Amino acid sequence: MSQVCAICGKRPQVGMNVSHAHNRNKRRFNPNLQNVRVQLESGQVKKLKVCTRCIRSGAVVKPEAKKAPAAS
């Protein structure tokens, strides 16, 4: 299940590399996936592979950063 966004389900697409001489070779467009810590609706924190569009659009809720204990 690699190369699949856990939020939107975006997968690799296929297309063509086209040279100046118009030689065509098949290629693969992979989604830009990042490993992100996500806070689920249940409050649980998990690491998921998420595409950058989901991160940018706010579909992913990141957990609050842990605060360092106050030095006394």
C-alpha atoms as a PDB file:
ATOM      1  CA  MET A   1       0.000   0.000   0.000  1.00  0.00           C
ATOM      2  CA  SER A   2       2.884   2.353  -0.660  1.00  0.00           C
ATOM      3  CA  GLN A   3       2.479   5.546  -2.676  1.00  0.00           C
ATOM      4  CA  VAL A   4      -1.157   6.072  -1.622  1.00  0.00           C
ATOM      5  CA  CYS A   5      -2.362   9.076   0.396  1.00  0.00           C
ATOM      6  CA  ALA A   6      -4.111   7.942   3.590  1.00  0.00           C
ATOM      7  CA  ILE A   7      -6.568  10.889   3.461  1.00  0.00           C
ATOM      8  CA  CYS A   8      -7.650  11.369  -0.158  1.00  0.00           C
ATOM      9  CA  GLY A   9      -6.459   8.087  -1.698  1.00  0.00           C
ATOM     10  CA  LYS A  10      -4.302   9.777  -4.339  1.00  0.00           C
ATOM     11  CA  ARG A  11      -2.224   7.179  -6.246  1.00  0.00           C
ATOM     12  CA  PRO A  12       0.483   7.254  -8.918  1.00  0.00           C
ATOM     13  CA  GLN A  13      -0.656   8.306 -12.388  1.00  0.00           C
ATOM     14  CA  VAL A  14       0.874   7.281 -15.699  1.00  0.00           C
ATOM     15  CA  GLY A  15       1.862   9.555 -18.547  1.00  0.00           C
ATOM     16  CA  MET A  16       4.554  10.127 -21.129  1.00  0.00           C
ATOM     17  CA  ASN A  17       8.002  11.697 -21.181  1.00  0.00           C
ATOM     18  CA  VAL A  18       8.085  13.617 -24.463  1.00  0.00           C
ATOM     19  CA  SER A  19      11.462  14.649 -25.846  1.00  0.00           C
ATOM     20  CA  HIS A  20      12.129  17.571 -28.194  1.00  0.00           C
ATOM     21  CA  ALA A  21      12.120  15.061 -31.067  1.00  0.00           C
ATOM     22  CA  HIS A  22       8.736  13.872 -29.762  1.00  0.00           C
ATOM     23  CA  ASN A  23      10.020  10.453 -28.700  1.00  0.00           C
ATOM     24  CA  ARG A  24       7.544   9.182 -26.134  1.00  0.00           C
ATOM     25  CA  ASN A  25       8.369   6.963 -23.142  1.00  0.00           C
ATOM     26  CA  LYS A  26       5.955   5.875 -20.457  1.00  0.00           C
ATOM     27  CA  ARG A  27       6.588   7.320 -17.007  1.00  0.00           C
ATOM     28  CA  ARG A  28       4.965   7.439 -13.606  1.00  0.00           C
ATOM     29  CA  PHE A  29       3.850  10.539 -11.692  1.00  0.00           C
ATOM     30  CA  ASN A  30       4.056   9.710  -7.972  1.00  0.00           C
ATOM     31  CA  PRO A  31       2.143  11.817  -5.441  1.00  0.00           C
ATOM     32  CA  ASN A  32       4.270  13.899  -3.073  1.00  0.00           C
ATOM     33  CA  LEU A  33       3.733  11.916   0.129  1.00  0.00           C
ATOM     34  CA  GLN A  34       5.095  12.904   3.517  1.00  0.00           C
ATOM     35  CA  ASN A  35       5.122  10.970   6.799  1.00  0.00           C
ATOM     36  CA  VAL A  36       3.114  13.161   9.179  1.00  0.00           C
ATOM     37  CA  ARG A  37       1.909  12.787  12.768  1.00  0.00           C
ATOM     38  CA  VAL A  38      -1.880  13.194  12.586  1.00  0.00           C
ATOM     39  CA  GLN A  39      -4.405  13.573  15.389  1.00  0.00           C
ATOM     40  CA  LEU A  40      -7.508  11.504  14.600  1.00  0.00           C
ATOM     41  CA  GLU A  41     -11.056  12.457  15.667  1.00  0.00           C
ATOM     42  CA  SER A  42     -10.777   9.943  18.514  1.00  0.00           C
ATOM     43  CA  GLY A  43      -7.836  11.955  19.888  1.00  0.00           C
ATOM     44  CA  GLN A  44      -5.338   9.232  18.987  1.00  0.00           C
ATOM     45  CA  VAL A  45      -2.060  10.317  17.344  1.00  0.00           C
ATOM     46  CA  LYS A  46      -0.785   8.233  14.408  1.00  0.00           C
ATOM     47  CA  LYS A  47       1.853   8.520  11.709  1.00  0.00           C
ATOM     48  CA  LEU A  48       0.327   8.487   8.214  1.00  0.00           C
ATOM     49  CA  LYS A  49       1.569   8.941   4.658  1.00  0.00           C
ATOM     50  CA  VAL A  50      -0.270  12.040   3.437  1.00  0.00           C
ATOM     51  CA  CYS A  51       0.027  14.028   0.207  1.00  0.00           C
ATOM     52  CA  THR A  52       1.116  17.646   0.446  1.00  0.00           C
ATOM     53  CA  ARG A  53      -2.188  18.909  -0.936  1.00  0.00           C
ATOM     54  CA  CYS A  54      -4.056  17.393   2.045  1.00  0.00           C
ATOM     55  CA  ILE A  55      -1.543  18.973   4.445  1.00  0.00           C
ATOM     56  CA  ARG A  56      -1.884  22.394   2.774  1.00  0.00           C
ATOM     57  CA  SER A  57      -5.681  22.320   2.537  1.00  0.00           C
ATOM     58  CA  GLY A  58      -6.077  21.573   6.246  1.00  0.00           C
ATOM     59  CA  ALA A  59      -7.477  18.057   5.826  1.00  0.00           C
ATOM     60  CA  VAL A  60      -4.819  16.924   8.318  1.00  0.00           C
ATOM     61  CA  VAL A  61      -4.997  17.993  11.977  1.00  0.00           C
ATOM     62  CA  LYS A  62      -1.539  18.011  13.515  1.00  0.00           C
ATOM     63  CA  PRO A  63      -1.264  17.329  17.266  1.00  0.00           C
ATOM     64  CA  GLU A  64      -0.144  20.092  19.599  1.00  0.00           C
ATOM     65  CA  ALA A  65       3.571  20.162  20.324  1.00  0.00           C
ATOM     66  CA  LYS A  66       4.629  18.962  23.748  1.00  0.00           C
ATOM     67  CA  LYS A  67       5.830  21.807  25.953  1.00  0.00           C
ATOM     68  CA  ALA A  68       9.130  21.411  27.772  1.00  0.00           C
ATOM     69  CA  PRO A  69       8.821  21.334  31.578  1.00  0.00           C
ATOM     70  CA  ALA A  70       9.585  24.647  33.248  1.00  0.00           C
ATOM     71  CA  ALA A  71      13.053  24.800  34.779  1.00  0.00           C
ATOM     72  CA  SER A  72      12.954  25.674  38.469  1.00  0.00           C
END
